[in-house]
């Protein structure tokens, strides 16, 4: 978990959500619900955060859906799903260029 995001294209993207107004509030509510229901453990990474979710199949599907939605509105993130052996937890890693950790911190602070 010590690798950093070295993709130059990702570093050139603005660190901002492309949604506005009601769409952004709706998306934030969806993300808060996902985080509250999953009650993930959070670990800071040098360039982002790793969130540990339950290992059930339904969580894999929910996290994939989350990633697809976020890729559309926050293209500066790099997303990784890591599945622990033996049906263990699923780790969602959100990484980004400098400044992305501040963006993530605001979101995580609202659910912790």
PDB file of N, CA and C in Angstrom:
ATOM      1  N   UNK A   1       0.816  -1.196   0.000  1.00  0.00           N
ATOM      2  CA  UNK A   1       0.000   0.000   0.000  1.00  0.00           C
ATOM      3  C   UNK A   1       0.858   1.257   0.000  1.00  0.00           C
ATOM      4  N   UNK A   2       2.119   1.151  -0.301  1.00  0.00           N
ATOM      5  CA  UNK A   2       2.986   2.323  -0.273  1.00  0.00           C
ATOM      6  C   UNK A   2       3.229   2.935  -1.630  1.00  0.00           C
ATOM      7  N   UNK A   3       2.667   2.356  -2.683  1.00  0.00           N
ATOM      8  CA  UNK A   3       2.849   2.938  -4.006  1.00  0.00           C
ATOM      9  C   UNK A   3       2.123   4.272  -4.077  1.00  0.00           C
ATOM     10  N   UNK A   4       2.654   5.174  -4.889  1.00  0.00           N
ATOM     11  CA  UNK A   4       1.995   6.457  -5.072  1.00  0.00           C
ATOM     12  C   UNK A   4       1.524   6.588  -6.500  1.00  0.00           C
ATOM     13  N   UNK A   5       0.623   7.501  -6.724  1.00  0.00           N
ATOM     14  CA  UNK A   5       0.068   7.740  -8.054  1.00  0.00           C
ATOM     15  C   UNK A   5       1.081   8.546  -8.851  1.00  0.00           C
ATOM     16  N   UNK A   6       1.659   7.924  -9.860  1.00  0.00           N
ATOM     17  CA  UNK A   6       2.676   8.618 -10.659  1.00  0.00           C
ATOM     18  C   UNK A   6       2.204   8.875 -12.085  1.00  0.00           C
ATOM     19  N   UNK A   7       0.917   8.746 -12.343  1.00  0.00           N
ATOM     20  CA  UNK A   7       0.371   8.961 -13.679  1.00  0.00           C
ATOM     21  C   UNK A   7       0.353  10.459 -13.983  1.00  0.00           C
ATOM     22  N   UNK A   8       1.166  10.925 -14.942  1.00  0.00           N
ATOM     23  CA  UNK A   8       1.209  12.358 -15.248  1.00  0.00           C
ATOM     24  C   UNK A   8      -0.132  12.897 -15.727  1.00  0.00           C
ATOM     25  N   UNK A   9      -0.917  12.086 -16.438  1.00  0.00           N
ATOM     26  CA  UNK A   9      -2.219  12.556 -16.919  1.00  0.00           C
ATOM     27  C   UNK A   9      -3.154  12.854 -15.755  1.00  0.00           C
ATOM     28  N   UNK A  10      -3.130  12.011 -14.725  1.00  0.00           N
ATOM     29  CA  UNK A  10      -3.987  12.235 -13.559  1.00  0.00           C
ATOM     30  C   UNK A  10      -3.564  13.496 -12.827  1.00  0.00           C
ATOM     31  N   UNK A  11      -2.276  13.766 -12.789  1.00  0.00           N
ATOM     32  CA  UNK A  11      -1.774  14.950 -12.087  1.00  0.00           C
ATOM     33  C   UNK A  11      -2.192  16.243 -12.784  1.00  0.00           C
ATOM     34  N   UNK A  12      -2.498  16.185 -14.067  1.00  0.00           N
ATOM     35  CA  UNK A  12      -2.858  17.378 -14.821  1.00  0.00           C
ATOM     36  C   UNK A  12      -4.341  17.730 -14.694  1.00  0.00           C
ATOM     37  N   UNK A  13      -5.147  16.826 -14.179  1.00  0.00           N
ATOM     38  CA  UNK A  13      -6.586  17.075 -14.058  1.00  0.00           C
ATOM     39  C   UNK A  13      -6.867  17.962 -12.846  1.00  0.00           C
ATOM     40  N   UNK A  14      -7.825  18.866 -12.945  1.00  0.00           N
ATOM     41  CA  UNK A  14      -8.169  19.701 -11.791  1.00  0.00           C
ATOM     42  C   UNK A  14      -8.795  18.849 -10.690  1.00  0.00           C
ATOM     43  N   UNK A  15      -8.484  19.188  -9.449  1.00  0.00           N
ATOM     44  CA  UNK A  15      -9.030  18.470  -8.302  1.00  0.00           C
ATOM     45  C   UNK A  15     -10.337  19.152  -7.916  1.00  0.00           C
ATOM     46  N   UNK A  16     -11.384  18.742  -8.601  1.00  0.00           N
ATOM     47  CA  UNK A  16     -12.706  19.317  -8.374  1.00  0.00           C
ATOM     48  C   UNK A  16     -13.758  18.360  -8.907  1.00  0.00           C
ATOM     49  N   UNK A  17     -14.869  18.311  -8.214  1.00  0.00           N
ATOM     50  CA  UNK A  17     -16.000  17.512  -8.676  1.00  0.00           C
ATOM     51  C   UNK A  17     -16.691  18.283  -9.796  1.00  0.00           C
ATOM     52  N   UNK A  18     -17.068  17.583 -10.861  1.00  0.00           N
ATOM     53  CA  UNK A  18     -17.713  18.247 -11.990  1.00  0.00           C
ATOM     54  C   UNK A  18     -19.217  18.409 -11.802  1.00  0.00           C
ATOM     55  N   UNK A  19     -19.766  17.803 -10.730  1.00  0.00           N
ATOM     56  CA  UNK A  19     -21.203  17.956 -10.463  1.00  0.00           C
ATOM     57  C   UNK A  19     -21.467  19.284  -9.774  1.00  0.00           C
ATOM     58  N   UNK A  20     -22.637  19.801  -9.963  1.00  0.00           N
ATOM     59  CA  UNK A  20     -23.010  21.038  -9.304  1.00  0.00           C
ATOM     60  C   UNK A  20     -24.388  20.927  -8.673  1.00  0.00           C
ATOM     61  N   UNK A  21     -24.674  21.829  -7.766  1.00  0.00           N
ATOM     62  CA  UNK A  21     -26.000  21.966  -7.185  1.00  0.00           C
ATOM     63  C   UNK A  21     -26.588  20.693  -6.622  1.00  0.00           C
ATOM     64  N   UNK A  22     -27.828  20.419  -7.019  1.00  0.00           N
ATOM     65  CA  UNK A  22     -28.578  19.283  -6.499  1.00  0.00           C
ATOM     66  C   UNK A  22     -27.911  17.952  -6.837  1.00  0.00           C
ATOM     67  N   UNK A  23     -27.308  17.843  -8.024  1.00  0.00           N
ATOM     68  CA  UNK A  23     -26.645  16.597  -8.396  1.00  0.00           C
ATOM     69  C   UNK A  23     -25.484  16.291  -7.451  1.00  0.00           C
ATOM     70  N   UNK A  24     -24.737  17.306  -7.107  1.00  0.00           N
ATOM     71  CA  UNK A  24     -23.608  17.103  -6.197  1.00  0.00           C
ATOM     72  C   UNK A  24     -24.093  16.725  -4.809  1.00  0.00           C
ATOM     73  N   UNK A  25     -25.123  17.383  -4.303  1.00  0.00           N
ATOM     74  CA  UNK A  25     -25.660  17.040  -2.979  1.00  0.00           C
ATOM     75  C   UNK A  25     -26.196  15.613  -2.965  1.00  0.00           C
ATOM     76  N   UNK A  26     -26.862  15.212  -4.036  1.00  0.00           N
ATOM     77  CA  UNK A  26     -27.395  13.854  -4.138  1.00  0.00           C
ATOM     78  C   UNK A  26     -26.243  12.831  -4.122  1.00  0.00           C
ATOM     79  N   UNK A  27     -25.193  13.124  -4.858  1.00  0.00           N
ATOM     80  CA  UNK A  27     -24.043  12.213  -4.902  1.00  0.00           C
ATOM     81  C   UNK A  27     -23.352  12.140  -3.543  1.00  0.00           C
ATOM     82  N   UNK A  28     -23.206  13.266  -2.868  1.00  0.00           N
ATOM     83  CA  UNK A  28     -22.597  13.272  -1.539  1.00  0.00           C
ATOM     84  C   UNK A  28     -23.418  12.443  -0.564  1.00  0.00           C
ATOM     85  N   UNK A  29     -24.758  12.537  -0.667  1.00  0.00           N
ATOM     86  CA  UNK A  29     -25.627  11.723   0.189  1.00  0.00           C
ATOM     87  C   UNK A  29     -25.428  10.235  -0.094  1.00  0.00           C
ATOM     88  N   UNK A  30     -25.298   9.863  -1.365  1.00  0.00           N
ATOM     89  CA  UNK A  30     -25.061   8.459  -1.736  1.00  0.00           C
ATOM     90  C   UNK A  30     -23.742   7.964  -1.152  1.00  0.00           C
ATOM     91  N   UNK A  31     -22.722   8.791  -1.236  1.00  0.00           N
ATOM     92  CA  UNK A  31     -21.404   8.401  -0.729  1.00  0.00           C
ATOM     93  C   UNK A  31     -21.447   8.269   0.796  1.00  0.00           C
ATOM     94  N   UNK A  32     -22.088   9.213   1.462  1.00  0.00           N
ATOM     95  CA  UNK A  32     -22.208   9.133   2.919  1.00  0.00           C
ATOM     96  C   UNK A  32     -22.928   7.861   3.333  1.00  0.00           C
ATOM     97  N   UNK A  33     -23.989   7.504   2.618  1.00  0.00           N
ATOM     98  CA  UNK A  33     -24.743   6.279   2.923  1.00  0.00           C
ATOM     99  C   UNK A  33     -23.847   5.050   2.748  1.00  0.00           C
ATOM    100  N   UNK A  34     -23.103   5.009   1.664  1.00  0.00           N
ATOM    101  CA  UNK A  34     -22.188   3.894   1.418  1.00  0.00           C
ATOM    102  C   UNK A  34     -21.171   3.770   2.552  1.00  0.00           C
ATOM    103  N   UNK A  35     -20.601   4.877   2.954  1.00  0.00           N
ATOM    104  CA  UNK A  35     -19.587   4.863   4.007  1.00  0.00           C
ATOM    105  C   UNK A  35     -20.185   4.508   5.359  1.00  0.00           C
ATOM    106  N   UNK A  36     -21.357   5.009   5.665  1.00  0.00           N
ATOM    107  CA  UNK A  36     -21.998   4.688   6.950  1.00  0.00           C
ATOM    108  C   UNK A  36     -22.389   3.220   7.023  1.00  0.00           C
ATOM    109  N   UNK A  37     -22.956   2.694   5.950  1.00  0.00           N
ATOM    110  CA  UNK A  37     -23.407   1.301   5.948  1.00  0.00           C
ATOM    111  C   UNK A  37     -22.227   0.334   5.943  1.00  0.00           C
ATOM    112  N   UNK A  38     -21.155   0.704   5.282  1.00  0.00           N
ATOM    113  CA  UNK A  38     -19.975  -0.156   5.233  1.00  0.00           C
ATOM    114  C   UNK A  38     -19.092  -0.023   6.453  1.00  0.00           C
ATOM    115  N   UNK A  39     -19.252   1.081   7.186  1.00  0.00           N
ATOM    116  CA  UNK A  39     -18.448   1.382   8.372  1.00  0.00           C
ATOM    117  C   UNK A  39     -16.987   1.022   8.150  1.00  0.00           C
ATOM    118  N   UNK A  40     -16.397   1.575   7.102  1.00  0.00           N
ATOM    119  CA  UNK A  40     -15.040   1.145   6.767  1.00  0.00           C
ATOM    120  C   UNK A  40     -13.989   1.652   7.739  1.00  0.00           C
ATOM    121  N   UNK A  41     -12.948   0.853   7.840  1.00  0.00           N
ATOM    122  CA  UNK A  41     -11.733   1.301   8.498  1.00  0.00           C
ATOM    123  C   UNK A  41     -11.002   2.157   7.472  1.00  0.00           C
ATOM    124  N   UNK A  42     -10.441   3.261   7.880  1.00  0.00           N
ATOM    125  CA  UNK A  42      -9.727   4.136   6.961  1.00  0.00           C
ATOM    126  C   UNK A  42      -8.243   4.166   7.327  1.00  0.00           C
ATOM    127  N   UNK A  43      -7.405   4.065   6.310  1.00  0.00           N
ATOM    128  CA  UNK A  43      -5.956   4.192   6.477  1.00  0.00           C
ATOM    129  C   UNK A  43      -5.451   5.233   5.497  1.00  0.00           C
ATOM    130  N   UNK A  44      -4.670   6.142   6.020  1.00  0.00           N
ATOM    131  CA  UNK A  44      -4.083   7.170   5.160  1.00  0.00           C
ATOM    132  C   UNK A  44      -2.997   6.554   4.288  1.00  0.00           C
ATOM    133  N   UNK A  45      -2.952   6.961   3.052  1.00  0.00           N
ATOM    134  CA  UNK A  45      -1.886   6.620   2.121  1.00  0.00           C
ATOM    135  C   UNK A  45      -1.142   7.910   1.806  1.00  0.00           C
ATOM    136  N   UNK A  46       0.067   7.835   1.304  1.00  0.00           N
ATOM    137  CA  UNK A  46       0.792   9.059   0.970  1.00  0.00           C
ATOM    138  C   UNK A  46       0.037   9.945  -0.020  1.00  0.00           C
ATOM    139  N   UNK A  47      -0.765   9.321  -0.884  1.00  0.00           N
ATOM    140  CA  UNK A  47      -1.480  10.077  -1.912  1.00  0.00           C
ATOM    141  C   UNK A  47      -2.983   9.798  -1.903  1.00  0.00           C
ATOM    142  N   UNK A  48      -3.516   9.423  -0.750  1.00  0.00           N
ATOM    143  CA  UNK A  48      -4.953   9.148  -0.694  1.00  0.00           C
ATOM    144  C   UNK A  48      -5.351   8.412   0.560  1.00  0.00           C
ATOM    145  N   UNK A  49      -6.308   7.500   0.384  1.00  0.00           N
ATOM    146  CA  UNK A  49      -6.845   6.769   1.523  1.00  0.00           C
ATOM    147  C   UNK A  49      -7.213   5.357   1.079  1.00  0.00           C
ATOM    148  N   UNK A  50      -7.123   4.411   2.020  1.00  0.00           N
ATOM    149  CA  UNK A  50      -7.586   3.048   1.807  1.00  0.00           C
ATOM    150  C   UNK A  50      -8.734   2.804   2.770  1.00  0.00           C
ATOM    151  N   UNK A  51      -9.843   2.310   2.255  1.00  0.00           N
ATOM    152  CA  UNK A  51     -11.029   2.050   3.064  1.00  0.00           C
ATOM    153  C   UNK A  51     -11.337   0.561   3.032  1.00  0.00           C
ATOM    154  N   UNK A  52     -11.498  -0.025   4.201  1.00  0.00           N
ATOM    155  CA  UNK A  52     -11.770  -1.461   4.302  1.00  0.00           C
ATOM    156  C   UNK A  52     -13.263  -1.689   4.486  1.00  0.00           C
ATOM    157  N   UNK A  53     -13.837  -2.488   3.573  1.00  0.00           N
ATOM    158  CA  UNK A  53     -15.261  -2.812   3.594  1.00  0.00           C
ATOM    159  C   UNK A  53     -15.439  -4.313   3.811  1.00  0.00           C
ATOM    160  N   UNK A  54     -16.648  -4.734   4.181  1.00  0.00           N
ATOM    161  CA  UNK A  54     -16.909  -6.170   4.318  1.00  0.00           C
ATOM    162  C   UNK A  54     -16.620  -6.901   3.009  1.00  0.00           C
ATOM    163  N   UNK A  55     -16.295  -8.190   3.110  1.00  0.00           N
ATOM    164  CA  UNK A  55     -15.896  -8.967   1.948  1.00  0.00           C
ATOM    165  C   UNK A  55     -17.019  -9.619   1.171  1.00  0.00           C
ATOM    166  N   UNK A  56     -18.262  -9.355   1.542  1.00  0.00           N
ATOM    167  CA  UNK A  56     -19.379  -9.986   0.839  1.00  0.00           C
ATOM    168  C   UNK A  56     -19.499  -9.491  -0.602  1.00  0.00           C
ATOM    169  N   UNK A  57     -20.060 -10.358  -1.445  1.00  0.00           N
ATOM    170  CA  UNK A  57     -20.211 -10.058  -2.866  1.00  0.00           C
ATOM    171  C   UNK A  57     -21.006  -8.775  -3.106  1.00  0.00           C
ATOM    172  N   UNK A  58     -22.018  -8.534  -2.287  1.00  0.00           N
ATOM    173  CA  UNK A  58     -22.838  -7.321  -2.463  1.00  0.00           C
ATOM    174  C   UNK A  58     -21.977  -6.067  -2.321  1.00  0.00           C
ATOM    175  N   UNK A  59     -20.951  -6.133  -1.446  1.00  0.00           N
ATOM    176  CA  UNK A  59     -20.076  -4.965  -1.283  1.00  0.00           C
ATOM    177  C   UNK A  59     -19.179  -4.776  -2.492  1.00  0.00           C
ATOM    178  N   UNK A  60     -18.752  -5.859  -3.107  1.00  0.00           N
ATOM    179  CA  UNK A  60     -17.957  -5.734  -4.332  1.00  0.00           C
ATOM    180  C   UNK A  60     -18.778  -5.004  -5.392  1.00  0.00           C
ATOM    181  N   UNK A  61     -20.036  -5.376  -5.534  1.00  0.00           N
ATOM    182  CA  UNK A  61     -20.906  -4.732  -6.526  1.00  0.00           C
ATOM    183  C   UNK A  61     -21.148  -3.272  -6.173  1.00  0.00           C
ATOM    184  N   UNK A  62     -21.399  -2.987  -4.902  1.00  0.00           N
ATOM    185  CA  UNK A  62     -21.652  -1.599  -4.496  1.00  0.00           C
ATOM    186  C   UNK A  62     -20.418  -0.733  -4.719  1.00  0.00           C
ATOM    187  N   UNK A  63     -19.253  -1.264  -4.402  1.00  0.00           N
ATOM    188  CA  UNK A  63     -18.033  -0.484  -4.580  1.00  0.00           C
ATOM    189  C   UNK A  63     -17.721  -0.263  -6.049  1.00  0.00           C
ATOM    190  N   UNK A  64     -17.988  -1.253  -6.890  1.00  0.00           N
ATOM    191  CA  UNK A  64     -17.793  -1.065  -8.326  1.00  0.00           C
ATOM    192  C   UNK A  64     -18.725   0.023  -8.846  1.00  0.00           C
ATOM    193  N   UNK A  65     -19.971   0.001  -8.427  1.00  0.00           N
ATOM    194  CA  UNK A  65     -20.930   1.032  -8.834  1.00  0.00           C
ATOM    195  C   UNK A  65     -20.465   2.410  -8.363  1.00  0.00           C
ATOM    196  N   UNK A  66     -19.972   2.478  -7.128  1.00  0.00           N
ATOM    197  CA  UNK A  66     -19.439   3.728  -6.598  1.00  0.00           C
ATOM    198  C   UNK A  66     -18.306   4.248  -7.475  1.00  0.00           C
ATOM    199  N   UNK A  67     -17.366   3.368  -7.823  1.00  0.00           N
ATOM    200  CA  UNK A  67     -16.219   3.761  -8.637  1.00  0.00           C
ATOM    201  C   UNK A  67     -16.677   4.298  -9.987  1.00  0.00           C
ATOM    202  N   UNK A  68     -17.602   3.623 -10.624  1.00  0.00           N
ATOM    203  CA  UNK A  68     -18.060   4.070 -11.940  1.00  0.00           C
ATOM    204  C   UNK A  68     -18.705   5.457 -11.853  1.00  0.00           C
ATOM    205  N   UNK A  69     -19.442   5.709 -10.802  1.00  0.00           N
ATOM    206  CA  UNK A  69     -20.035   7.037 -10.616  1.00  0.00           C
ATOM    207  C   UNK A  69     -18.985   8.101 -10.362  1.00  0.00           C
ATOM    208  N   UNK A  70     -18.003   7.781  -9.545  1.00  0.00           N
ATOM    209  CA  UNK A  70     -16.961   8.754  -9.210  1.00  0.00           C
ATOM    210  C   UNK A  70     -16.037   9.045 -10.385  1.00  0.00           C
ATOM    211  N   UNK A  71     -15.791   8.054 -11.208  1.00  0.00           N
ATOM    212  CA  UNK A  71     -14.934   8.285 -12.387  1.00  0.00           C
ATOM    213  C   UNK A  71     -15.538   9.343 -13.295  1.00  0.00           C
ATOM    214  N   UNK A  72     -16.865   9.420 -13.321  1.00  0.00           N
ATOM    215  CA  UNK A  72     -17.540  10.389 -14.185  1.00  0.00           C
ATOM    216  C   UNK A  72     -17.428  11.813 -13.653  1.00  0.00           C
ATOM    217  N   UNK A  73     -17.441  11.973 -12.325  1.00  0.00           N
ATOM    218  CA  UNK A  73     -17.474  13.337 -11.792  1.00  0.00           C
ATOM    219  C   UNK A  73     -16.166  13.779 -11.130  1.00  0.00           C
ATOM    220  N   UNK A  74     -15.309  12.843 -10.786  1.00  0.00           N
ATOM    221  CA  UNK A  74     -14.017  13.163 -10.159  1.00  0.00           C
ATOM    222  C   UNK A  74     -12.912  12.393 -10.879  1.00  0.00           C
ATOM    223  N   UNK A  75     -12.616  12.774 -12.117  1.00  0.00           N
ATOM    224  CA  UNK A  75     -11.690  11.997 -12.944  1.00  0.00           C
ATOM    225  C   UNK A  75     -10.234  12.050 -12.497  1.00  0.00           C
ATOM    226  N   UNK A  76      -9.924  12.837 -11.501  1.00  0.00           N
ATOM    227  CA  UNK A  76      -8.546  12.947 -11.025  1.00  0.00           C
ATOM    228  C   UNK A  76      -8.152  11.805 -10.103  1.00  0.00           C
ATOM    229  N   UNK A  77      -9.131  11.002  -9.631  1.00  0.00           N
ATOM    230  CA  UNK A  77      -8.833   9.891  -8.739  1.00  0.00           C
ATOM    231  C   UNK A  77      -8.374   8.656  -9.490  1.00  0.00           C
ATOM    232  N   UNK A  78      -7.528   7.882  -8.841  1.00  0.00           N
ATOM    233  CA  UNK A  78      -7.207   6.523  -9.242  1.00  0.00           C
ATOM    234  C   UNK A  78      -7.913   5.619  -8.238  1.00  0.00           C
ATOM    235  N   UNK A  79      -8.599   4.601  -8.729  1.00  0.00           N
ATOM    236  CA  UNK A  79      -9.367   3.693  -7.879  1.00  0.00           C
ATOM    237  C   UNK A  79      -8.757   2.296  -7.948  1.00  0.00           C
ATOM    238  N   UNK A  80      -8.676   1.646  -6.800  1.00  0.00           N
ATOM    239  CA  UNK A  80      -8.204   0.270  -6.741  1.00  0.00           C
ATOM    240  C   UNK A  80      -9.106  -0.505  -5.789  1.00  0.00           C
ATOM    241  N   UNK A  81      -9.491  -1.705  -6.197  1.00  0.00           N
ATOM    242  CA  UNK A  81     -10.189  -2.631  -5.304  1.00  0.00           C
ATOM    243  C   UNK A  81      -9.242  -3.795  -5.039  1.00  0.00           C
ATOM    244  N   UNK A  82      -9.034  -4.104  -3.771  1.00  0.00           N
ATOM    245  CA  UNK A  82      -8.168  -5.206  -3.373  1.00  0.00           C
ATOM    246  C   UNK A  82      -9.009  -6.162  -2.537  1.00  0.00           C
ATOM    247  N   UNK A  83      -9.040  -7.419  -2.959  1.00  0.00           N
ATOM    248  CA  UNK A  83      -9.815  -8.449  -2.284  1.00  0.00           C
ATOM    249  C   UNK A  83      -8.874  -9.321  -1.457  1.00  0.00           C
ATOM    250  N   UNK A  84      -9.070  -9.318  -0.136  1.00  0.00           N
ATOM    251  CA  UNK A  84      -8.244 -10.141   0.752  1.00  0.00           C
ATOM    252  C   UNK A  84      -8.585 -11.617   0.541  1.00  0.00           C
ATOM    253  N   UNK A  85      -7.626 -12.501   0.766  1.00  0.00           N
ATOM    254  CA  UNK A  85      -7.881 -13.933   0.582  1.00  0.00           C
ATOM    255  C   UNK A  85      -8.937 -14.461   1.552  1.00  0.00           C
ATOM    256  N   UNK A  86      -9.500 -15.610   1.206  1.00  0.00           N
ATOM    257  CA  UNK A  86     -10.451 -16.287   2.081  1.00  0.00           C
ATOM    258  C   UNK A  86     -11.735 -15.522   2.295  1.00  0.00           C
ATOM    259  N   UNK A  87     -12.204 -14.808   1.281  1.00  0.00           N
ATOM    260  CA  UNK A  87     -13.425 -14.001   1.385  1.00  0.00           C
ATOM    261  C   UNK A  87     -13.295 -12.911   2.454  1.00  0.00           C
ATOM    262  N   UNK A  88     -12.061 -12.467   2.667  1.00  0.00           N
ATOM    263  CA  UNK A  88     -11.795 -11.414   3.647  1.00  0.00           C
ATOM    264  C   UNK A  88     -12.284 -10.063   3.148  1.00  0.00           C
ATOM    265  N   UNK A  89     -11.902  -9.011   3.830  1.00  0.00           N
ATOM    266  CA  UNK A  89     -12.386  -7.671   3.483  1.00  0.00           C
ATOM    267  C   UNK A  89     -11.954  -7.215   2.093  1.00  0.00           C
ATOM    268  N   UNK A  90     -12.668  -6.222   1.618  1.00  0.00           N
ATOM    269  CA  UNK A  90     -12.352  -5.564   0.344  1.00  0.00           C
ATOM    270  C   UNK A  90     -11.811  -4.186   0.686  1.00  0.00           C
ATOM    271  N   UNK A  91     -10.678  -3.856   0.119  1.00  0.00           N
ATOM    272  CA  UNK A  91     -10.081  -2.535   0.309  1.00  0.00           C
ATOM    273  C   UNK A  91     -10.345  -1.687  -0.925  1.00  0.00           C
ATOM    274  N   UNK A  92     -10.889  -0.510  -0.706  1.00  0.00           N
ATOM    275  CA  UNK A  92     -11.044   0.487  -1.763  1.00  0.00           C
ATOM    276  C   UNK A  92      -9.962   1.531  -1.531  1.00  0.00           C
ATOM    277  N   UNK A  93      -9.086   1.671  -2.500  1.00  0.00           N
ATOM    278  CA  UNK A  93      -8.031   2.685  -2.414  1.00  0.00           C
ATOM    279  C   UNK A  93      -8.379   3.812  -3.366  1.00  0.00           C
ATOM    280  N   UNK A  94      -8.421   5.012  -2.829  1.00  0.00           N
ATOM    281  CA  UNK A  94      -8.651   6.229  -3.609  1.00  0.00           C
ATOM    282  C   UNK A  94      -7.354   7.019  -3.558  1.00  0.00           C
ATOM    283  N   UNK A  95      -6.779   7.248  -4.724  1.00  0.00           N
ATOM    284  CA  UNK A  95      -5.508   7.964  -4.810  1.00  0.00           C
ATOM    285  C   UNK A  95      -5.641   9.125  -5.781  1.00  0.00           C
ATOM    286  N   UNK A  96      -4.813  10.118  -5.567  1.00  0.00           N
ATOM    287  CA  UNK A  96      -4.850  11.252  -6.467  1.00  0.00           C
ATOM    288  C   UNK A  96      -3.615  12.109  -6.343  1.00  0.00           C
ATOM    289  N   UNK A  97      -3.548  13.129  -7.175  1.00  0.00           N
ATOM    290  CA  UNK A  97      -2.404  14.045  -7.140  1.00  0.00           C
ATOM    291  C   UNK A  97      -2.439  14.903  -5.877  1.00  0.00           C
ATOM    292  N   UNK A  98      -1.416  15.695  -5.708  1.00  0.00           N
ATOM    293  CA  UNK A  98      -1.339  16.578  -4.552  1.00  0.00           C
ATOM    294  C   UNK A  98      -2.624  17.395  -4.429  1.00  0.00           C
ATOM    295  N   UNK A  99      -3.165  17.454  -3.234  1.00  0.00           N
ATOM    296  CA  UNK A  99      -4.418  18.166  -2.988  1.00  0.00           C
ATOM    297  C   UNK A  99      -5.623  17.243  -2.920  1.00  0.00           C
ATOM    298  N   UNK A 100      -5.515  16.058  -3.499  1.00  0.00           N
ATOM    299  CA  UNK A 100      -6.640  15.116  -3.480  1.00  0.00           C
ATOM    300  C   UNK A 100      -6.914  14.604  -2.075  1.00  0.00           C
ATOM    301  N   UNK A 101      -5.870  14.510  -1.239  1.00  0.00           N
ATOM    302  CA  UNK A 101      -6.089  14.030   0.122  1.00  0.00           C
ATOM    303  C   UNK A 101      -6.948  15.010   0.915  1.00  0.00           C
ATOM    304  N   UNK A 102      -6.840  16.300   0.639  1.00  0.00           N
ATOM    305  CA  UNK A 102      -7.706  17.284   1.301  1.00  0.00           C
ATOM    306  C   UNK A 102      -9.160  17.062   0.892  1.00  0.00           C
ATOM    307  N   UNK A 103      -9.375  16.801  -0.370  1.00  0.00           N
ATOM    308  CA  UNK A 103     -10.705  16.540  -0.915  1.00  0.00           C
ATOM    309  C   UNK A 103     -11.311  15.327  -0.212  1.00  0.00           C
ATOM    310  N   UNK A 104     -10.513  14.268  -0.045  1.00  0.00           N
ATOM    311  CA  UNK A 104     -10.985  13.049   0.633  1.00  0.00           C
ATOM    312  C   UNK A 104     -11.215  13.281   2.116  1.00  0.00           C
ATOM    313  N   UNK A 105     -10.345  14.053   2.738  1.00  0.00           N
ATOM    314  CA  UNK A 105     -10.475  14.317   4.177  1.00  0.00           C
ATOM    315  C   UNK A 105     -11.788  14.977   4.522  1.00  0.00           C
ATOM    316  N   UNK A 106     -12.236  15.903   3.694  1.00  0.00           N
ATOM    317  CA  UNK A 106     -13.516  16.575   3.931  1.00  0.00           C
ATOM    318  C   UNK A 106     -14.656  15.572   3.927  1.00  0.00           C
ATOM    319  N   UNK A 107     -14.646  14.651   2.980  1.00  0.00           N
ATOM    320  CA  UNK A 107     -15.685  13.653   2.872  1.00  0.00           C
ATOM    321  C   UNK A 107     -15.661  12.698   4.057  1.00  0.00           C
ATOM    322  N   UNK A 108     -14.490  12.186   4.393  1.00  0.00           N
ATOM    323  CA  UNK A 108     -14.386  11.223   5.483  1.00  0.00           C
ATOM    324  C   UNK A 108     -14.742  11.844   6.831  1.00  0.00           C
ATOM    325  N   UNK A 109     -14.437  13.107   7.020  1.00  0.00           N
ATOM    326  CA  UNK A 109     -14.750  13.777   8.275  1.00  0.00           C
ATOM    327  C   UNK A 109     -16.251  13.826   8.539  1.00  0.00           C
ATOM    328  N   UNK A 110     -17.041  13.850   7.478  1.00  0.00           N
ATOM    329  CA  UNK A 110     -18.496  13.931   7.647  1.00  0.00           C
ATOM    330  C   UNK A 110     -19.123  12.629   8.111  1.00  0.00           C
ATOM    331  N   UNK A 111     -18.418  11.503   7.974  1.00  0.00           N
ATOM    332  CA  UNK A 111     -19.004  10.218   8.352  1.00  0.00           C
ATOM    333  C   UNK A 111     -18.313   9.575   9.555  1.00  0.00           C
ATOM    334  N   UNK A 112     -17.257  10.163  10.036  1.00  0.00           N
ATOM    335  CA  UNK A 112     -16.562   9.556  11.184  1.00  0.00           C
ATOM    336  C   UNK A 112     -17.013  10.165  12.481  1.00  0.00           C
TER     337      UNK A 112
END
